[in-house]
Amino acid sequence: MKIAIPTDGEKGLKDTVSQVFARAPYFTIIDLDGKSPKVVEILENEAAKLTQGAGPIAASILKDKDVNMILSCEVGPGVKTILNLADIGIKKVTVGEKVRKVLNEFNP
């Protein structure tokens, strides 16, 4: 399973969950198929720079990366619909939490 978490920086498992989804500076993409989480990619979020349409673009980027689940704070209703249509699950997590902690508490 591939999980994407909107993050404030490029620190991987040591980073924190961003307070926004579509305009988060980065997405940390993690593979949970092994015994322990493995950071696959830290992706600069190009959608964050857009004045409009950031949500659908961010969703499309993550779909193209074969993400199955997003762990994020609030996600807007339009993005929720797009993610649901793309079969990408969403689980709400606390803003500012460390990525490693969020993953440890995640129960697929």
N, C-alpha and C. Protein backbone atom coordinates (compact mmCIF):
# COMPACT_ATOMS: atom_id res chain seq x y z
N MET A 1 0.84 -1.18 0.00
CA MET A 1 0.00 0.00 0.00
C MET A 1 0.88 1.24 0.00
N LYS A 2 0.54 2.18 -0.86
CA LYS A 2 1.25 3.46 -0.91
C LYS A 2 0.39 4.52 -0.24
N ILE A 3 1.01 5.24 0.67
CA ILE A 3 0.34 6.30 1.42
C ILE A 3 1.01 7.62 1.12
N ALA A 4 0.21 8.67 0.94
CA ALA A 4 0.74 10.03 0.77
C ALA A 4 0.31 10.88 1.95
N ILE A 5 1.26 11.63 2.46
CA ILE A 5 0.98 12.55 3.56
C ILE A 5 1.47 13.93 3.15
N PRO A 6 0.58 14.94 3.18
CA PRO A 6 1.03 16.30 2.89
C PRO A 6 1.92 16.77 4.04
N THR A 7 3.14 17.21 3.71
CA THR A 7 4.09 17.58 4.75
C THR A 7 4.64 18.98 4.54
N ASP A 8 5.23 19.51 5.62
CA ASP A 8 5.77 20.86 5.58
C ASP A 8 7.17 20.92 4.99
N GLY A 9 7.87 19.80 4.94
CA GLY A 9 9.24 19.83 4.45
C GLY A 9 9.65 18.52 3.80
N GLU A 10 10.95 18.32 3.75
CA GLU A 10 11.54 17.17 3.04
C GLU A 10 12.24 16.20 4.00
N LYS A 11 11.76 16.09 5.22
CA LYS A 11 12.43 15.28 6.23
C LYS A 11 11.90 13.84 6.32
N GLY A 12 11.03 13.46 5.42
CA GLY A 12 10.53 12.09 5.41
C GLY A 12 9.75 11.72 6.66
N LEU A 13 10.13 10.65 7.33
CA LEU A 13 9.41 10.18 8.51
C LEU A 13 9.53 11.14 9.69
N LYS A 14 10.51 12.03 9.65
CA LYS A 14 10.71 12.99 10.74
C LYS A 14 9.96 14.30 10.51
N ASP A 15 9.30 14.42 9.38
CA ASP A 15 8.59 15.66 9.04
C ASP A 15 7.25 15.72 9.77
N THR A 16 6.55 16.84 9.59
CA THR A 16 5.24 17.03 10.21
C THR A 16 4.14 17.15 9.16
N VAL A 17 2.95 16.77 9.57
CA VAL A 17 1.78 16.84 8.70
C VAL A 17 1.41 18.31 8.49
N SER A 18 1.23 18.67 7.24
CA SER A 18 0.88 20.04 6.87
C SER A 18 -0.55 20.36 7.30
N GLN A 19 -0.83 21.63 7.49
CA GLN A 19 -2.19 22.04 7.87
C GLN A 19 -3.13 22.10 6.67
N VAL A 20 -2.60 21.93 5.47
CA VAL A 20 -3.41 21.93 4.25
C VAL A 20 -3.08 20.70 3.41
N PHE A 21 -3.99 20.32 2.53
CA PHE A 21 -3.74 19.19 1.65
C PHE A 21 -3.19 19.67 0.30
N ALA A 22 -4.04 20.29 -0.48
CA ALA A 22 -3.69 20.63 -1.87
C ALA A 22 -2.58 21.66 -1.98
N ARG A 23 -2.42 22.49 -0.99
CA ARG A 23 -1.38 23.52 -1.04
C ARG A 23 -0.21 23.22 -0.09
N ALA A 24 -0.12 21.99 0.35
CA ALA A 24 1.04 21.58 1.16
C ALA A 24 2.30 21.70 0.32
N PRO A 25 3.40 22.10 0.91
CA PRO A 25 4.63 22.24 0.13
C PRO A 25 5.13 20.92 -0.46
N TYR A 26 4.92 19.81 0.26
CA TYR A 26 5.43 18.52 -0.19
C TYR A 26 4.42 17.41 0.11
N PHE A 27 4.59 16.32 -0.59
CA PHE A 27 3.90 15.07 -0.26
C PHE A 27 4.98 14.04 0.03
N THR A 28 4.89 13.42 1.18
CA THR A 28 5.78 12.32 1.51
C THR A 28 5.03 11.04 1.16
N ILE A 29 5.59 10.26 0.25
CA ILE A 29 4.94 9.04 -0.22
C ILE A 29 5.67 7.85 0.41
N ILE A 30 4.91 7.00 1.06
CA ILE A 30 5.46 5.91 1.86
C ILE A 30 4.89 4.58 1.40
N ASP A 31 5.73 3.58 1.35
CA ASP A 31 5.32 2.21 1.01
C ASP A 31 5.19 1.43 2.31
N LEU A 32 4.02 0.85 2.54
CA LEU A 32 3.78 0.07 3.76
C LEU A 32 3.76 -1.43 3.49
N ASP A 33 4.32 -1.88 2.40
CA ASP A 33 4.27 -3.30 2.07
C ASP A 33 5.26 -4.15 2.87
N GLY A 34 6.28 -3.54 3.43
CA GLY A 34 7.26 -4.29 4.19
C GLY A 34 6.97 -4.27 5.67
N LYS A 35 7.96 -4.69 6.48
CA LYS A 35 7.81 -4.71 7.94
C LYS A 35 7.74 -3.31 8.52
N SER A 36 8.52 -2.41 7.95
CA SER A 36 8.51 -1.04 8.44
C SER A 36 8.27 -0.08 7.28
N PRO A 37 7.72 1.09 7.57
CA PRO A 37 7.43 2.06 6.51
C PRO A 37 8.70 2.48 5.78
N LYS A 38 8.60 2.58 4.47
CA LYS A 38 9.75 2.98 3.66
C LYS A 38 9.34 4.19 2.83
N VAL A 39 10.07 5.29 3.00
CA VAL A 39 9.79 6.49 2.21
C VAL A 39 10.20 6.21 0.77
N VAL A 40 9.23 6.30 -0.12
CA VAL A 40 9.47 6.05 -1.54
C VAL A 40 9.92 7.33 -2.23
N GLU A 41 9.26 8.42 -1.86
CA GLU A 41 9.54 9.68 -2.55
C GLU A 41 9.07 10.85 -1.71
N ILE A 42 9.83 11.92 -1.76
CA ILE A 42 9.39 13.20 -1.20
C ILE A 42 9.20 14.10 -2.41
N LEU A 43 7.95 14.42 -2.65
CA LEU A 43 7.56 15.07 -3.89
C LEU A 43 7.19 16.52 -3.63
N GLU A 44 7.86 17.44 -4.30
CA GLU A 44 7.46 18.85 -4.21
C GLU A 44 6.10 18.99 -4.88
N ASN A 45 5.17 19.63 -4.20
CA ASN A 45 3.81 19.75 -4.68
C ASN A 45 3.68 20.95 -5.62
N GLU A 46 3.69 20.67 -6.90
CA GLU A 46 3.57 21.73 -7.90
C GLU A 46 2.20 22.42 -7.84
N ALA A 47 1.19 21.73 -7.37
CA ALA A 47 -0.16 22.31 -7.28
C ALA A 47 -0.22 23.43 -6.25
N ALA A 48 0.69 23.42 -5.28
CA ALA A 48 0.69 24.44 -4.23
C ALA A 48 0.91 25.84 -4.78
N LYS A 49 1.52 25.93 -5.94
CA LYS A 49 1.86 27.23 -6.53
C LYS A 49 0.72 27.81 -7.39
N LEU A 50 -0.31 27.02 -7.63
CA LEU A 50 -1.40 27.46 -8.49
C LEU A 50 -2.34 28.40 -7.75
N THR A 51 -2.94 29.33 -8.48
CA THR A 51 -3.92 30.23 -7.87
C THR A 51 -5.30 29.58 -7.81
N GLN A 52 -5.57 28.65 -8.72
CA GLN A 52 -6.85 27.94 -8.73
C GLN A 52 -6.62 26.48 -9.11
N GLY A 53 -7.52 25.63 -8.66
CA GLY A 53 -7.50 24.23 -9.09
C GLY A 53 -6.43 23.37 -8.45
N ALA A 54 -5.90 23.79 -7.30
CA ALA A 54 -4.84 23.02 -6.65
C ALA A 54 -5.31 21.63 -6.22
N GLY A 55 -6.54 21.52 -5.72
CA GLY A 55 -7.05 20.24 -5.24
C GLY A 55 -7.08 19.15 -6.30
N PRO A 56 -7.74 19.40 -7.43
CA PRO A 56 -7.78 18.38 -8.47
C PRO A 56 -6.40 18.02 -9.02
N ILE A 57 -5.52 19.01 -9.13
CA ILE A 57 -4.17 18.74 -9.65
C ILE A 57 -3.40 17.88 -8.66
N ALA A 58 -3.48 18.21 -7.36
CA ALA A 58 -2.78 17.42 -6.34
C ALA A 58 -3.31 15.98 -6.35
N ALA A 59 -4.62 15.82 -6.44
CA ALA A 59 -5.21 14.47 -6.50
C ALA A 59 -4.71 13.70 -7.71
N SER A 60 -4.62 14.37 -8.84
CA SER A 60 -4.15 13.73 -10.07
C SER A 60 -2.68 13.31 -9.95
N ILE A 61 -1.87 14.16 -9.36
CA ILE A 61 -0.45 13.84 -9.16
C ILE A 61 -0.31 12.58 -8.31
N LEU A 62 -1.08 12.50 -7.23
CA LEU A 62 -0.98 11.34 -6.34
C LEU A 62 -1.54 10.08 -6.99
N LYS A 63 -2.58 10.23 -7.80
CA LYS A 63 -3.12 9.08 -8.53
C LYS A 63 -2.06 8.54 -9.49
N ASP A 64 -1.35 9.43 -10.17
CA ASP A 64 -0.30 9.03 -11.10
C ASP A 64 0.87 8.33 -10.39
N LYS A 65 1.01 8.58 -9.09
CA LYS A 65 2.07 7.94 -8.29
C LYS A 65 1.58 6.63 -7.65
N ASP A 66 0.36 6.19 -8.04
CA ASP A 66 -0.23 4.94 -7.54
C ASP A 66 -0.46 4.94 -6.03
N VAL A 67 -0.81 6.10 -5.48
CA VAL A 67 -1.13 6.21 -4.06
C VAL A 67 -2.50 5.57 -3.81
N ASN A 68 -2.61 4.80 -2.71
CA ASN A 68 -3.85 4.14 -2.34
C ASN A 68 -4.60 4.85 -1.22
N MET A 69 -3.85 5.62 -0.39
CA MET A 69 -4.43 6.23 0.80
C MET A 69 -3.74 7.56 1.07
N ILE A 70 -4.54 8.51 1.54
CA ILE A 70 -4.01 9.81 1.94
C ILE A 70 -4.30 10.00 3.42
N LEU A 71 -3.27 10.35 4.16
CA LEU A 71 -3.43 10.71 5.57
C LEU A 71 -3.22 12.22 5.64
N SER A 72 -4.28 12.94 5.95
CA SER A 72 -4.24 14.40 5.86
C SER A 72 -5.19 15.02 6.87
N CYS A 73 -5.05 16.33 7.03
CA CYS A 73 -6.05 17.08 7.79
C CYS A 73 -7.27 17.23 6.89
N GLU A 74 -7.98 18.30 7.00
CA GLU A 74 -9.17 18.50 6.18
C GLU A 74 -8.87 18.43 4.68
N VAL A 75 -9.77 17.78 3.97
CA VAL A 75 -9.71 17.73 2.51
C VAL A 75 -11.05 18.27 2.02
N GLY A 76 -11.01 19.20 1.09
CA GLY A 76 -12.24 19.82 0.59
C GLY A 76 -13.16 18.83 -0.08
N PRO A 77 -14.46 19.17 -0.17
CA PRO A 77 -15.45 18.26 -0.74
C PRO A 77 -15.20 17.90 -2.20
N GLY A 78 -14.69 18.84 -2.98
CA GLY A 78 -14.40 18.55 -4.38
C GLY A 78 -13.27 17.53 -4.52
N VAL A 79 -12.23 17.73 -3.73
CA VAL A 79 -11.09 16.80 -3.75
C VAL A 79 -11.51 15.44 -3.23
N LYS A 80 -12.35 15.42 -2.19
CA LYS A 80 -12.85 14.14 -1.66
C LYS A 80 -13.52 13.33 -2.76
N THR A 81 -14.34 13.99 -3.53
CA THR A 81 -15.05 13.32 -4.62
C THR A 81 -14.06 12.76 -5.64
N ILE A 82 -13.09 13.57 -6.02
CA ILE A 82 -12.09 13.12 -7.00
C ILE A 82 -11.30 11.93 -6.45
N LEU A 83 -10.89 12.00 -5.19
CA LEU A 83 -10.14 10.90 -4.59
C LEU A 83 -10.98 9.63 -4.50
N ASN A 84 -12.24 9.79 -4.16
CA ASN A 84 -13.14 8.62 -4.10
C ASN A 84 -13.30 7.98 -5.47
N LEU A 85 -13.45 8.79 -6.50
CA LEU A 85 -13.57 8.27 -7.87
C LEU A 85 -12.30 7.56 -8.32
N ALA A 86 -11.16 8.00 -7.79
CA ALA A 86 -9.87 7.39 -8.13
C ALA A 86 -9.53 6.20 -7.22
N ASP A 87 -10.46 5.84 -6.35
CA ASP A 87 -10.25 4.75 -5.38
C ASP A 87 -9.07 5.01 -4.46
N ILE A 88 -8.91 6.26 -4.05
CA ILE A 88 -7.89 6.63 -3.08
C ILE A 88 -8.61 6.95 -1.78
N GLY A 89 -8.26 6.20 -0.73
CA GLY A 89 -8.89 6.42 0.58
C GLY A 89 -8.33 7.65 1.26
N ILE A 90 -9.10 8.15 2.22
CA ILE A 90 -8.70 9.34 2.98
C ILE A 90 -8.91 9.05 4.45
N LYS A 91 -7.91 9.36 5.24
CA LYS A 91 -8.05 9.26 6.69
C LYS A 91 -7.57 10.57 7.29
N LYS A 92 -8.38 11.13 8.16
CA LYS A 92 -8.04 12.40 8.79
C LYS A 92 -7.05 12.17 9.92
N VAL A 93 -6.00 13.01 9.95
CA VAL A 93 -4.99 12.95 10.99
C VAL A 93 -4.77 14.36 11.54
N THR A 94 -4.02 14.45 12.62
CA THR A 94 -3.81 15.72 13.30
C THR A 94 -2.70 16.53 12.65
N VAL A 95 -2.97 17.79 12.42
CA VAL A 95 -1.98 18.72 11.87
C VAL A 95 -0.81 18.83 12.84
N GLY A 96 0.39 18.88 12.29
CA GLY A 96 1.57 19.08 13.12
C GLY A 96 2.17 17.82 13.72
N GLU A 97 1.47 16.69 13.60
CA GLU A 97 2.01 15.43 14.11
C GLU A 97 3.17 14.99 13.24
N LYS A 98 4.08 14.26 13.81
CA LYS A 98 5.19 13.68 13.05
C LYS A 98 4.67 12.57 12.15
N VAL A 99 5.23 12.48 10.97
CA VAL A 99 4.82 11.47 9.99
C VAL A 99 4.94 10.07 10.59
N ARG A 100 6.05 9.79 11.27
CA ARG A 100 6.26 8.47 11.87
C ARG A 100 5.15 8.12 12.86
N LYS A 101 4.73 9.08 13.69
CA LYS A 101 3.67 8.84 14.66
C LYS A 101 2.34 8.55 13.96
N VAL A 102 2.03 9.33 12.94
CA VAL A 102 0.79 9.13 12.18
C VAL A 102 0.77 7.74 11.57
N LEU A 103 1.89 7.31 11.03
CA LEU A 103 1.98 5.96 10.42
C LEU A 103 1.83 4.87 11.47
N ASN A 104 2.44 5.07 12.65
CA ASN A 104 2.32 4.08 13.72
C ASN A 104 0.88 3.92 14.20
N GLU A 105 0.11 4.99 14.14
CA GLU A 105 -1.29 4.96 14.59
C GLU A 105 -2.25 4.55 13.49
N PHE A 106 -1.77 4.48 12.24
CA PHE A 106 -2.62 4.16 11.11
C PHE A 106 -2.98 2.68 11.12
N ASN A 107 -4.27 2.41 10.95
CA ASN A 107 -4.75 1.04 10.92
C ASN A 107 -5.54 0.85 9.62
N PRO A 108 -4.92 0.21 8.62
CA PRO A 108 -5.62 0.07 7.34
C PRO A 108 -6.79 -0.83 7.50
